[in-house]
């Protein structure tokens, strides 16, 4: 994980925090709660944290969460590009309806269209 963080441009403070907290490839796959970064004493710059989540999503596809396979930090897994699910516009028959937009793969979005 340290090598992946370095390759992706995260400084030594990030690398040390992940090492000190024993975040290996398997634990990295489970890391989805932003408050955990606070618990790990990760710097709070929002831009850097957003980039971290984006890069993590590229190597840990959403459909792999909870799987028991080990993540290889040295060789990132390629993920399909993400697209927003088709949004529904309420019409006269659906007044008061709220729209929920969730990230889905391009393939899943095409199935919903």
N, C-alpha and C. Protein backbone atom coordinates (compact mmCIF):
# COMPACT_ATOMS: atom_id res chain seq x y z
N UNK A 1 0.83 -1.19 0.00
CA UNK A 1 0.00 0.00 0.00
C UNK A 1 0.87 1.25 0.00
N UNK A 2 1.97 1.21 0.76
CA UNK A 2 2.88 2.35 0.80
C UNK A 2 3.43 2.68 -0.57
N UNK A 3 3.79 1.65 -1.33
CA UNK A 3 4.33 1.87 -2.67
C UNK A 3 3.25 2.47 -3.59
N UNK A 4 2.02 2.00 -3.45
CA UNK A 4 0.92 2.54 -4.25
C UNK A 4 0.68 4.00 -3.89
N UNK A 5 0.65 4.32 -2.60
CA UNK A 5 0.46 5.72 -2.18
C UNK A 5 1.55 6.61 -2.76
N UNK A 6 2.80 6.15 -2.69
CA UNK A 6 3.91 6.94 -3.22
C UNK A 6 3.76 7.13 -4.73
N UNK A 7 3.43 6.05 -5.43
CA UNK A 7 3.27 6.11 -6.89
C UNK A 7 2.16 7.10 -7.27
N UNK A 8 1.12 7.16 -6.46
CA UNK A 8 -0.01 8.04 -6.74
C UNK A 8 0.20 9.46 -6.25
N UNK A 9 1.34 9.74 -5.65
CA UNK A 9 1.68 11.11 -5.27
C UNK A 9 1.32 11.52 -3.86
N UNK A 10 0.99 10.57 -3.00
CA UNK A 10 0.67 10.90 -1.61
C UNK A 10 1.97 10.94 -0.80
N UNK A 11 2.09 11.95 0.05
CA UNK A 11 3.35 12.19 0.75
C UNK A 11 3.64 11.16 1.84
N UNK A 12 4.81 11.30 2.45
CA UNK A 12 5.28 10.36 3.46
C UNK A 12 4.36 10.32 4.68
N UNK A 13 3.69 11.43 4.97
CA UNK A 13 2.75 11.46 6.10
C UNK A 13 1.60 10.48 5.86
N UNK A 14 1.08 10.44 4.64
CA UNK A 14 0.03 9.48 4.28
C UNK A 14 0.58 8.05 4.39
N UNK A 15 1.76 7.83 3.83
CA UNK A 15 2.35 6.50 3.83
C UNK A 15 2.57 5.99 5.25
N UNK A 16 3.06 6.86 6.13
CA UNK A 16 3.31 6.49 7.52
C UNK A 16 2.01 6.16 8.22
N UNK A 17 0.97 6.96 7.99
CA UNK A 17 -0.33 6.72 8.64
C UNK A 17 -0.89 5.36 8.23
N UNK A 18 -0.78 5.01 6.97
CA UNK A 18 -1.29 3.72 6.51
C UNK A 18 -0.47 2.58 7.10
N UNK A 19 0.84 2.76 7.17
CA UNK A 19 1.71 1.74 7.75
C UNK A 19 1.45 1.59 9.25
N UNK A 20 1.38 2.72 9.97
CA UNK A 20 1.15 2.69 11.42
C UNK A 20 -0.18 2.03 11.77
N UNK A 21 -1.16 2.17 10.90
CA UNK A 21 -2.50 1.62 11.14
C UNK A 21 -2.71 0.26 10.48
N UNK A 22 -1.62 -0.33 10.00
CA UNK A 22 -1.63 -1.68 9.41
C UNK A 22 -2.66 -1.82 8.29
N UNK A 23 -2.71 -0.79 7.43
CA UNK A 23 -3.61 -0.85 6.27
C UNK A 23 -2.84 -1.52 5.12
N UNK A 24 -3.16 -2.79 4.92
CA UNK A 24 -2.57 -3.54 3.81
C UNK A 24 -3.59 -3.58 2.67
N UNK A 25 -3.31 -4.35 1.64
CA UNK A 25 -4.21 -4.41 0.50
C UNK A 25 -5.61 -4.86 0.86
N UNK A 26 -5.72 -5.84 1.75
CA UNK A 26 -7.05 -6.33 2.15
C UNK A 26 -7.81 -5.26 2.94
N UNK A 27 -7.12 -4.60 3.88
CA UNK A 27 -7.77 -3.54 4.67
C UNK A 27 -8.12 -2.35 3.78
N UNK A 28 -7.29 -2.07 2.78
CA UNK A 28 -7.55 -0.96 1.87
C UNK A 28 -8.87 -1.16 1.15
N UNK A 29 -9.17 -2.41 0.78
CA UNK A 29 -10.43 -2.71 0.10
C UNK A 29 -11.64 -2.42 0.99
N UNK A 30 -11.46 -2.46 2.29
CA UNK A 30 -12.56 -2.23 3.23
C UNK A 30 -12.71 -0.77 3.61
N UNK A 31 -11.76 0.05 3.19
CA UNK A 31 -11.74 1.46 3.57
C UNK A 31 -12.71 2.26 2.71
N UNK A 32 -13.89 2.54 3.23
CA UNK A 32 -14.89 3.32 2.51
C UNK A 32 -15.50 4.42 3.36
N UNK A 33 -15.20 4.45 4.65
CA UNK A 33 -15.75 5.46 5.56
C UNK A 33 -14.76 6.61 5.69
N UNK A 34 -15.09 7.79 5.18
CA UNK A 34 -14.16 8.92 5.25
C UNK A 34 -13.69 9.28 6.66
N UNK A 35 -14.49 8.98 7.68
CA UNK A 35 -14.08 9.32 9.04
C UNK A 35 -12.88 8.49 9.50
N UNK A 36 -12.64 7.36 8.86
CA UNK A 36 -11.49 6.54 9.22
C UNK A 36 -10.19 7.31 8.95
N UNK A 37 -10.18 8.14 7.91
CA UNK A 37 -8.98 8.94 7.64
C UNK A 37 -8.68 9.87 8.80
N UNK A 38 -9.73 10.42 9.43
CA UNK A 38 -9.53 11.26 10.62
C UNK A 38 -8.92 10.43 11.74
N UNK A 39 -9.45 9.23 11.95
CA UNK A 39 -8.94 8.35 13.00
C UNK A 39 -7.47 8.00 12.78
N UNK A 40 -7.06 7.96 11.51
CA UNK A 40 -5.69 7.61 11.17
C UNK A 40 -4.75 8.82 11.18
N UNK A 41 -5.29 10.00 11.51
CA UNK A 41 -4.50 11.24 11.53
C UNK A 41 -3.99 11.63 10.15
N UNK A 42 -4.79 11.36 9.13
CA UNK A 42 -4.46 11.74 7.76
C UNK A 42 -4.67 13.25 7.63
N UNK A 43 -3.79 13.96 6.91
CA UNK A 43 -4.00 15.40 6.71
C UNK A 43 -5.39 15.68 6.15
N UNK A 44 -5.97 16.81 6.56
CA UNK A 44 -7.38 17.10 6.26
C UNK A 44 -7.61 17.88 4.98
N UNK A 45 -6.61 18.11 4.14
CA UNK A 45 -6.85 18.85 2.90
C UNK A 45 -7.87 18.09 2.06
N UNK A 46 -8.98 18.77 1.79
CA UNK A 46 -10.10 18.13 1.10
C UNK A 46 -9.70 17.68 -0.30
N UNK A 47 -8.98 18.51 -1.03
CA UNK A 47 -8.59 18.14 -2.39
C UNK A 47 -7.80 16.85 -2.43
N UNK A 48 -6.86 16.71 -1.52
CA UNK A 48 -6.03 15.50 -1.49
C UNK A 48 -6.88 14.29 -1.11
N UNK A 49 -7.79 14.48 -0.17
CA UNK A 49 -8.66 13.37 0.22
C UNK A 49 -9.58 12.96 -0.94
N UNK A 50 -10.11 13.91 -1.67
CA UNK A 50 -10.96 13.57 -2.82
C UNK A 50 -10.17 12.78 -3.86
N UNK A 51 -8.92 13.19 -4.10
CA UNK A 51 -8.07 12.47 -5.05
C UNK A 51 -7.81 11.05 -4.55
N UNK A 52 -7.62 10.90 -3.24
CA UNK A 52 -7.41 9.57 -2.67
C UNK A 52 -8.61 8.67 -2.96
N UNK A 53 -9.82 9.17 -2.67
CA UNK A 53 -11.01 8.34 -2.89
C UNK A 53 -11.18 7.99 -4.36
N UNK A 54 -10.87 8.95 -5.25
CA UNK A 54 -10.97 8.68 -6.68
C UNK A 54 -9.98 7.58 -7.08
N UNK A 55 -8.75 7.69 -6.60
CA UNK A 55 -7.73 6.69 -6.96
C UNK A 55 -8.06 5.33 -6.35
N UNK A 56 -8.60 5.33 -5.14
CA UNK A 56 -8.99 4.07 -4.50
C UNK A 56 -10.12 3.41 -5.29
N UNK A 57 -11.08 4.18 -5.76
CA UNK A 57 -12.17 3.62 -6.55
C UNK A 57 -11.67 3.00 -7.85
N UNK A 58 -10.56 3.49 -8.36
CA UNK A 58 -10.01 2.92 -9.60
C UNK A 58 -9.42 1.54 -9.38
N UNK A 59 -8.89 1.27 -8.19
CA UNK A 59 -8.26 -0.04 -7.96
C UNK A 59 -9.15 -0.99 -7.17
N UNK A 60 -10.20 -0.48 -6.54
CA UNK A 60 -11.13 -1.32 -5.79
C UNK A 60 -12.53 -1.07 -6.34
N UNK A 61 -12.91 -1.79 -7.40
CA UNK A 61 -14.25 -1.61 -7.95
C UNK A 61 -15.31 -1.88 -6.90
N UNK A 62 -16.44 -1.17 -6.99
CA UNK A 62 -17.52 -1.31 -6.01
C UNK A 62 -18.01 -2.74 -5.90
N UNK A 63 -18.01 -3.51 -7.00
CA UNK A 63 -18.52 -4.87 -6.94
C UNK A 63 -17.56 -5.83 -6.25
N UNK A 64 -16.33 -5.39 -5.92
CA UNK A 64 -15.38 -6.24 -5.22
C UNK A 64 -15.41 -6.05 -3.72
N UNK A 65 -16.14 -5.06 -3.22
CA UNK A 65 -16.18 -4.83 -1.79
C UNK A 65 -16.68 -6.08 -1.09
N UNK A 66 -15.98 -6.44 -0.04
CA UNK A 66 -16.39 -7.60 0.74
C UNK A 66 -15.84 -8.91 0.20
N UNK A 67 -15.19 -8.90 -0.95
CA UNK A 67 -14.63 -10.15 -1.46
C UNK A 67 -13.38 -10.48 -0.66
N UNK A 68 -13.00 -11.73 -0.64
CA UNK A 68 -11.87 -12.14 0.19
C UNK A 68 -10.55 -12.12 -0.57
N UNK A 69 -10.56 -11.76 -1.84
CA UNK A 69 -9.32 -11.73 -2.59
C UNK A 69 -8.44 -10.59 -2.10
N UNK A 70 -7.13 -10.74 -2.26
CA UNK A 70 -6.18 -9.74 -1.78
C UNK A 70 -5.87 -8.76 -2.89
N UNK A 71 -5.88 -7.49 -2.56
CA UNK A 71 -5.56 -6.43 -3.51
C UNK A 71 -4.06 -6.33 -3.67
N UNK A 72 -3.59 -6.25 -4.88
CA UNK A 72 -2.18 -6.03 -5.14
C UNK A 72 -1.97 -4.55 -5.38
N UNK A 73 -1.29 -3.88 -4.46
CA UNK A 73 -1.07 -2.44 -4.59
C UNK A 73 -0.09 -2.13 -5.71
N UNK A 74 0.76 -3.07 -6.06
CA UNK A 74 1.75 -2.81 -7.09
C UNK A 74 1.14 -2.83 -8.49
N UNK A 75 0.09 -3.61 -8.69
CA UNK A 75 -0.55 -3.73 -9.99
C UNK A 75 -2.02 -3.41 -9.83
N UNK A 76 -2.40 -2.13 -10.04
CA UNK A 76 -3.81 -1.76 -9.88
C UNK A 76 -4.71 -2.51 -10.84
N UNK A 77 -5.89 -2.86 -10.39
CA UNK A 77 -6.91 -3.51 -11.20
C UNK A 77 -7.64 -2.43 -11.98
N UNK A 78 -7.82 -2.63 -13.27
CA UNK A 78 -8.54 -1.65 -14.08
C UNK A 78 -10.02 -1.78 -13.82
N UNK A 79 -10.69 -0.65 -13.78
CA UNK A 79 -12.13 -0.61 -13.53
C UNK A 79 -12.81 0.04 -14.72
N UNK A 80 -14.04 -0.42 -15.00
CA UNK A 80 -14.82 0.22 -16.05
C UNK A 80 -15.07 1.67 -15.68
N UNK A 81 -15.16 2.55 -16.67
CA UNK A 81 -15.54 3.93 -16.36
C UNK A 81 -16.91 3.95 -15.70
N UNK A 82 -17.12 4.92 -14.83
CA UNK A 82 -18.38 5.03 -14.12
C UNK A 82 -19.28 6.04 -14.82
N UNK A 83 -20.57 5.79 -14.77
CA UNK A 83 -21.55 6.72 -15.32
C UNK A 83 -22.70 6.83 -14.33
N UNK A 84 -23.36 7.94 -14.32
CA UNK A 84 -24.52 8.09 -13.45
C UNK A 84 -25.67 7.28 -14.02
N UNK A 85 -26.46 6.70 -13.13
CA UNK A 85 -27.64 5.97 -13.57
C UNK A 85 -28.61 6.96 -14.21
N UNK A 86 -29.39 6.52 -15.18
CA UNK A 86 -30.34 7.44 -15.79
C UNK A 86 -31.24 8.06 -14.73
N UNK A 87 -31.34 9.36 -14.74
CA UNK A 87 -32.18 10.06 -13.77
C UNK A 87 -33.63 10.03 -14.23
N UNK A 88 -34.54 9.99 -13.31
CA UNK A 88 -35.95 9.98 -13.63
C UNK A 88 -36.52 11.37 -13.36
N UNK A 89 -37.20 11.93 -14.33
CA UNK A 89 -37.83 13.23 -14.15
C UNK A 89 -39.29 13.00 -13.81
N UNK A 90 -39.69 13.47 -12.63
CA UNK A 90 -41.09 13.26 -12.25
C UNK A 90 -42.02 13.98 -13.23
N UNK A 91 -43.11 13.30 -13.59
CA UNK A 91 -44.11 13.93 -14.44
C UNK A 91 -45.37 14.15 -13.61
N UNK A 92 -46.47 14.46 -14.24
CA UNK A 92 -47.69 14.78 -13.51
C UNK A 92 -48.21 13.60 -12.70
N UNK A 93 -47.87 12.37 -13.08
CA UNK A 93 -48.35 11.20 -12.34
C UNK A 93 -47.46 10.87 -11.15
N UNK A 94 -46.29 11.49 -11.08
CA UNK A 94 -45.34 11.16 -10.02
C UNK A 94 -44.96 12.38 -9.20
N UNK A 95 -45.87 13.21 -8.85
CA UNK A 95 -45.54 14.41 -8.08
C UNK A 95 -45.03 14.02 -6.71
N UNK A 96 -44.07 14.77 -6.23
CA UNK A 96 -43.48 14.51 -4.92
C UNK A 96 -42.40 13.45 -4.93
N UNK A 97 -42.06 12.91 -6.08
CA UNK A 97 -41.04 11.89 -6.18
C UNK A 97 -39.65 12.52 -6.11
N UNK A 98 -38.76 11.89 -5.38
CA UNK A 98 -37.37 12.36 -5.32
C UNK A 98 -36.52 11.45 -6.17
N UNK A 99 -35.48 12.03 -6.77
CA UNK A 99 -34.59 11.28 -7.63
C UNK A 99 -33.35 10.88 -6.84
N UNK A 100 -32.97 9.62 -6.91
CA UNK A 100 -31.75 9.12 -6.30
C UNK A 100 -30.81 8.74 -7.42
N UNK A 101 -29.64 9.37 -7.46
CA UNK A 101 -28.64 9.07 -8.47
C UNK A 101 -27.47 8.41 -7.79
N UNK A 102 -27.13 7.20 -8.24
CA UNK A 102 -26.03 6.44 -7.66
C UNK A 102 -25.02 6.13 -8.75
N UNK A 103 -23.73 6.07 -8.39
CA UNK A 103 -22.73 5.70 -9.40
C UNK A 103 -22.89 4.23 -9.79
N UNK A 104 -22.89 3.98 -11.09
CA UNK A 104 -22.96 2.62 -11.62
C UNK A 104 -21.98 2.51 -12.78
N UNK A 105 -21.65 1.30 -13.15
CA UNK A 105 -20.77 1.13 -14.29
C UNK A 105 -21.50 1.51 -15.56
N UNK A 106 -20.76 1.76 -16.63
CA UNK A 106 -21.36 2.11 -17.92
C UNK A 106 -22.25 0.97 -18.37
N UNK A 107 -21.81 -0.26 -18.15
CA UNK A 107 -22.61 -1.43 -18.56
C UNK A 107 -23.93 -1.47 -17.80
N UNK A 108 -23.90 -1.22 -16.48
CA UNK A 108 -25.13 -1.21 -15.70
C UNK A 108 -26.06 -0.10 -16.13
N UNK A 109 -25.50 1.09 -16.44
CA UNK A 109 -26.31 2.22 -16.90
C UNK A 109 -27.00 1.88 -18.22
N UNK A 110 -26.28 1.19 -19.10
CA UNK A 110 -26.86 0.82 -20.40
C UNK A 110 -28.03 -0.14 -20.21
N UNK A 111 -27.94 -1.03 -19.23
CA UNK A 111 -29.04 -1.97 -18.95
C UNK A 111 -30.27 -1.24 -18.44
N UNK A 112 -30.05 -0.14 -17.70
CA UNK A 112 -31.16 0.61 -17.12
C UNK A 112 -31.84 1.54 -18.12
N UNK A 113 -31.12 1.87 -19.20
CA UNK A 113 -31.66 2.84 -20.17
C UNK A 113 -32.78 2.28 -20.98
